[in-house]
Amino acid sequence: MRTESRKQRVIGAVAIGVGIVAATVFVAALIFAGVHIWASLRPVTEADVVGAWVSEEDPSESLVLHSDGTAAAVDLQSRGMEVGSGTGRWSLVGGAVLLVIDDGRNTPGAEFLAERSGFTLLLADYIGHPDEGERRFLMRDDG
C-alpha cells in the first residue's frame, strides 16, 4: 500500500513538472509571436535604413545610406533602369527610400520601398507595377 502511494506521488510530481514546462513553452511562444508581430508592424525610421545594402541577385550592385542623408551607389538599378554609380542624397518618405545620384548624366532617381519581413528589413525595388511586377531586393550587407 505504501509503495502505491509513493508511486502516485512521483507520477503526480512528474505530471506537474511536465505541465509547468508546457506552460512555460506556451508563454514563451506567445511572447515571441507578439514581438515578431510588433517588429513587422513598427514603422521604418531613417535609423533603420542607414547602412550598407547589396542586391540579392547581383552582389556587385550596392548602396550605402549615411545618417547625414548622403548616399553612395555602385552599379545600382531601380525599376529596371540603370541608376549607375556615384554619390548623392537620400530621404525616407512614407516608408520609401528616395535616392538621387549626382552622376552628371541627369539620371532619374530611384525609389526603394522599405519592407519588414519579421525582424528583417529589406529595400524592395519593383520592375513594373508593385502589385503585378517583378520584385527585387536589397539586403543589409553585414559583411
C-alpha atoms as a PDB file:
ATOM      1  CA  MET A   1       0.000   0.000   0.000  1.00  0.00           C
ATOM      2  CA  ARG A   2       2.746   2.378   0.911  1.00  0.00           C
ATOM      3  CA  THR A   3       4.542   1.739  -2.427  1.00  0.00           C
ATOM      4  CA  GLU A   4       1.461   2.663  -4.417  1.00  0.00           C
ATOM      5  CA  SER A   5       1.103   5.909  -2.577  1.00  0.00           C
ATOM      6  CA  ARG A   6       4.748   6.773  -3.241  1.00  0.00           C
ATOM      7  CA  LYS A   7       4.343   5.808  -6.907  1.00  0.00           C
ATOM      8  CA  GLN A   8       1.281   8.057  -7.185  1.00  0.00           C
ATOM      9  CA  ARG A   9       3.195  10.955  -5.629  1.00  0.00           C
ATOM     10  CA  VAL A  10       6.059  10.502  -8.130  1.00  0.00           C
ATOM     11  CA  ILE A  11       3.604  10.367 -11.052  1.00  0.00           C
ATOM     12  CA  GLY A  12       1.838  13.454  -9.715  1.00  0.00           C
ATOM     13  CA  ALA A  13       5.123  15.347  -9.356  1.00  0.00           C
ATOM     14  CA  VAL A  14       6.178  14.385 -12.889  1.00  0.00           C
ATOM     15  CA  ALA A  15       2.785  15.496 -14.254  1.00  0.00           C
ATOM     16  CA  ILE A  16       3.115  18.844 -12.504  1.00  0.00           C
ATOM     17  CA  GLY A  17       6.650  19.275 -13.878  1.00  0.00           C
ATOM     18  CA  VAL A  18       5.523  18.475 -17.411  1.00  0.00           C
ATOM     19  CA  GLY A  19       2.613  20.902 -17.031  1.00  0.00           C
ATOM     20  CA  ILE A  20       4.947  23.692 -15.875  1.00  0.00           C
ATOM     21  CA  VAL A  21       7.317  23.065 -18.787  1.00  0.00           C
ATOM     22  CA  ALA A  22       4.407  23.050 -21.267  1.00  0.00           C
ATOM     23  CA  ALA A  23       3.008  26.281 -19.820  1.00  0.00           C
ATOM     24  CA  THR A  24       6.450  27.929 -19.963  1.00  0.00           C
ATOM     25  CA  VAL A  25       6.931  26.931 -23.607  1.00  0.00           C
ATOM     26  CA  PHE A  26       3.437  28.203 -24.446  1.00  0.00           C
ATOM     27  CA  VAL A  27       4.047  31.581 -22.766  1.00  0.00           C
ATOM     28  CA  ALA A  28       7.454  31.909 -24.462  1.00  0.00           C
ATOM     29  CA  ALA A  29       5.851  31.179 -27.864  1.00  0.00           C
ATOM     30  CA  LEU A  30       3.201  33.848 -27.240  1.00  0.00           C
ATOM     31  CA  ILE A  31       5.856  36.397 -26.275  1.00  0.00           C
ATOM     32  CA  PHE A  32       7.955  35.563 -29.346  1.00  0.00           C
ATOM     33  CA  ALA A  33       4.914  35.810 -31.635  1.00  0.00           C
ATOM     34  CA  GLY A  34       3.970  39.171 -30.119  1.00  0.00           C
ATOM     35  CA  VAL A  35       7.484  40.560 -30.527  1.00  0.00           C
ATOM     36  CA  HIS A  36       7.631  39.217 -34.087  1.00  0.00           C
ATOM     37  CA  ILE A  37       4.317  40.873 -34.999  1.00  0.00           C
ATOM     38  CA  TRP A  38       5.369  44.134 -33.317  1.00  0.00           C
ATOM     39  CA  ALA A  39       8.652  44.122 -35.251  1.00  0.00           C
ATOM     40  CA  SER A  40       6.778  43.641 -38.532  1.00  0.00           C
ATOM     41  CA  LEU A  41       4.317  46.473 -37.856  1.00  0.00           C
ATOM     42  CA  ARG A  42       6.720  49.028 -36.415  1.00  0.00           C
ATOM     43  CA  PRO A  43       7.165  51.972 -38.812  1.00  0.00           C
ATOM     44  CA  VAL A  44      10.510  52.144 -40.600  1.00  0.00           C
ATOM     45  CA  THR A  45      12.743  55.007 -39.442  1.00  0.00           C
ATOM     46  CA  GLU A  46      15.774  56.649 -41.024  1.00  0.00           C
ATOM     47  CA  ALA A  47      17.980  54.931 -38.447  1.00  0.00           C
ATOM     48  CA  ASP A  48      16.628  51.569 -39.675  1.00  0.00           C
ATOM     49  CA  VAL A  49      17.770  52.099 -43.274  1.00  0.00           C
ATOM     50  CA  VAL A  50      21.168  53.707 -42.638  1.00  0.00           C
ATOM     51  CA  GLY A  51      23.944  51.318 -43.615  1.00  0.00           C
ATOM     52  CA  ALA A  52      25.212  49.189 -46.476  1.00  0.00           C
ATOM     53  CA  TRP A  53      22.833  47.323 -48.787  1.00  0.00           C
ATOM     54  CA  VAL A  54      23.563  44.804 -51.532  1.00  0.00           C
ATOM     55  CA  SER A  55      21.414  43.308 -54.279  1.00  0.00           C
ATOM     56  CA  GLU A  56      20.133  39.826 -53.597  1.00  0.00           C
ATOM     57  CA  GLU A  57      20.617  38.978 -57.293  1.00  0.00           C
ATOM     58  CA  ASP A  58      23.871  40.777 -58.100  1.00  0.00           C
ATOM     59  CA  PRO A  59      26.377  41.354 -55.266  1.00  0.00           C
ATOM     60  CA  SER A  60      28.204  43.984 -57.326  1.00  0.00           C
ATOM     61  CA  GLU A  61      25.102  46.207 -57.095  1.00  0.00           C
ATOM     62  CA  SER A  62      25.260  48.046 -53.791  1.00  0.00           C
ATOM     63  CA  LEU A  63      24.041  51.094 -51.932  1.00  0.00           C
ATOM     64  CA  VAL A  64      25.300  52.820 -48.791  1.00  0.00           C
ATOM     65  CA  LEU A  65      22.974  55.219 -46.961  1.00  0.00           C
ATOM     66  CA  HIS A  66      24.688  57.563 -44.492  1.00  0.00           C
ATOM     67  CA  SER A  67      22.947  59.130 -41.495  1.00  0.00           C
ATOM     68  CA  ASP A  68      23.647  62.656 -42.836  1.00  0.00           C
ATOM     69  CA  GLY A  69      21.419  61.996 -45.882  1.00  0.00           C
ATOM     70  CA  THR A  70      24.241  61.275 -48.309  1.00  0.00           C
ATOM     71  CA  ALA A  71      24.487  58.057 -50.290  1.00  0.00           C
ATOM     72  CA  ALA A  72      26.926  56.096 -52.441  1.00  0.00           C
ATOM     73  CA  ALA A  73      25.831  53.648 -55.126  1.00  0.00           C
ATOM     74  CA  VAL A  74      27.672  51.108 -57.251  1.00  0.00           C
ATOM     75  CA  ASP A  75      26.040  49.693 -60.409  1.00  0.00           C
ATOM     76  CA  LEU A  76      22.604  50.415 -58.923  1.00  0.00           C
ATOM     77  CA  GLN A  77      19.363  49.719 -60.794  1.00  0.00           C
ATOM     78  CA  SER A  78      15.815  50.744 -59.973  1.00  0.00           C
ATOM     79  CA  ARG A  79      12.588  49.913 -61.757  1.00  0.00           C
ATOM     80  CA  GLY A  80      14.552  48.140 -64.454  1.00  0.00           C
ATOM     81  CA  MET A  81      16.627  51.218 -65.302  1.00  0.00           C
ATOM     82  CA  GLU A  82      20.279  51.829 -64.569  1.00  0.00           C
ATOM     83  CA  VAL A  83      20.797  54.413 -61.856  1.00  0.00           C
ATOM     84  CA  GLY A  84      24.528  53.858 -62.039  1.00  0.00           C
ATOM     85  CA  SER A  85      27.387  54.565 -59.698  1.00  0.00           C
ATOM     86  CA  GLY A  86      28.166  57.704 -57.764  1.00  0.00           C
ATOM     87  CA  THR A  87      27.234  59.724 -54.741  1.00  0.00           C
ATOM     88  CA  GLY A  88      24.052  61.581 -53.992  1.00  0.00           C
ATOM     89  CA  ARG A  89      21.334  62.217 -51.427  1.00  0.00           C
ATOM     90  CA  TRP A  90      18.575  60.123 -49.954  1.00  0.00           C
ATOM     91  CA  SER A  91      15.482  60.647 -47.818  1.00  0.00           C
ATOM     92  CA  LEU A  92      12.804  58.448 -46.272  1.00  0.00           C
ATOM     93  CA  VAL A  93       9.287  59.434 -47.328  1.00  0.00           C
ATOM     94  CA  GLY A  94       6.299  57.335 -46.314  1.00  0.00           C
ATOM     95  CA  GLY A  95       8.301  54.136 -45.976  1.00  0.00           C
ATOM     96  CA  ALA A  96      10.174  54.633 -49.246  1.00  0.00           C
ATOM     97  CA  VAL A  97      13.853  55.469 -49.658  1.00  0.00           C
ATOM     98  CA  LEU A  98      14.093  58.147 -52.340  1.00  0.00           C
ATOM     99  CA  LEU A  99      17.536  58.426 -53.883  1.00  0.00           C
ATOM    100  CA  VAL A 100      19.111  60.880 -56.318  1.00  0.00           C
ATOM    101  CA  ILE A 101      22.620  60.147 -57.615  1.00  0.00           C
ATOM    102  CA  ASP A 102      24.688  63.154 -58.728  1.00  0.00           C
ATOM    103  CA  ASP A 103      26.362  61.475 -61.689  1.00  0.00           C
ATOM    104  CA  GLY A 104      26.268  64.404 -64.127  1.00  0.00           C
ATOM    105  CA  ARG A 105      24.057  62.433 -66.533  1.00  0.00           C
ATOM    106  CA  ASN A 106      20.700  63.679 -65.243  1.00  0.00           C
ATOM    107  CA  THR A 107      19.830  60.097 -64.265  1.00  0.00           C
ATOM    108  CA  PRO A 108      16.346  59.677 -62.827  1.00  0.00           C
ATOM    109  CA  GLY A 109      16.190  58.980 -59.113  1.00  0.00           C
ATOM    110  CA  ALA A 110      15.495  55.640 -57.516  1.00  0.00           C
ATOM    111  CA  GLU A 111      12.818  54.538 -55.100  1.00  0.00           C
ATOM    112  CA  PHE A 112      13.092  51.540 -52.800  1.00  0.00           C
ATOM    113  CA  LEU A 113      10.233  50.531 -50.511  1.00  0.00           C
ATOM    114  CA  ALA A 114      11.424  49.620 -47.028  1.00  0.00           C
ATOM    115  CA  GLU A 115       9.645  46.376 -46.147  1.00  0.00           C
ATOM    116  CA  ARG A 116       9.795  44.341 -42.974  1.00  0.00           C
ATOM    117  CA  SER A 117       9.714  40.582 -43.031  1.00  0.00           C
ATOM    118  CA  GLY A 118       9.589  39.798 -39.333  1.00  0.00           C
ATOM    119  CA  PHE A 119      12.880  41.052 -37.899  1.00  0.00           C
ATOM    120  CA  THR A 120      14.465  41.504 -41.337  1.00  0.00           C
ATOM    121  CA  LEU A 121      14.323  44.807 -43.194  1.00  0.00           C
ATOM    122  CA  LEU A 122      14.576  44.751 -46.990  1.00  0.00           C
ATOM    123  CA  LEU A 123      14.671  47.519 -49.576  1.00  0.00           C
ATOM    124  CA  ALA A 124      12.318  46.412 -52.350  1.00  0.00           C
ATOM    125  CA  ASP A 125      12.509  47.546 -55.935  1.00  0.00           C
ATOM    126  CA  TYR A 126       9.702  46.801 -58.363  1.00  0.00           C
ATOM    127  CA  ILE A 127      10.012  46.359 -62.094  1.00  0.00           C
ATOM    128  CA  GLY A 128       6.550  47.254 -63.305  1.00  0.00           C
ATOM    129  CA  HIS A 129       3.555  47.799 -61.037  1.00  0.00           C
ATOM    130  CA  PRO A 130       4.220  46.903 -57.365  1.00  0.00           C
ATOM    131  CA  ASP A 131       1.187  44.567 -57.282  1.00  0.00           C
ATOM    132  CA  GLU A 132       1.957  42.776 -60.532  1.00  0.00           C
ATOM    133  CA  GLY A 133       5.597  43.324 -61.433  1.00  0.00           C
ATOM    134  CA  GLU A 134       8.806  41.567 -60.507  1.00  0.00           C
ATOM    135  CA  ARG A 135      10.291  42.364 -57.089  1.00  0.00           C
ATOM    136  CA  ARG A 136      13.994  42.728 -56.439  1.00  0.00           C
ATOM    137  CA  PHE A 137      15.539  43.209 -53.028  1.00  0.00           C
ATOM    138  CA  LEU A 138      18.496  44.952 -51.494  1.00  0.00           C
ATOM    139  CA  MET A 139      19.525  43.187 -48.315  1.00  0.00           C
ATOM    140  CA  ARG A 140      21.595  44.599 -45.466  1.00  0.00           C
ATOM    141  CA  ASP A 141      25.285  43.912 -46.125  1.00  0.00           C
ATOM    142  CA  ASP A 142      26.732  42.878 -42.771  1.00  0.00           C
ATOM    143  CA  GLY A 143      29.955  41.585 -44.272  1.00  0.00           C
END
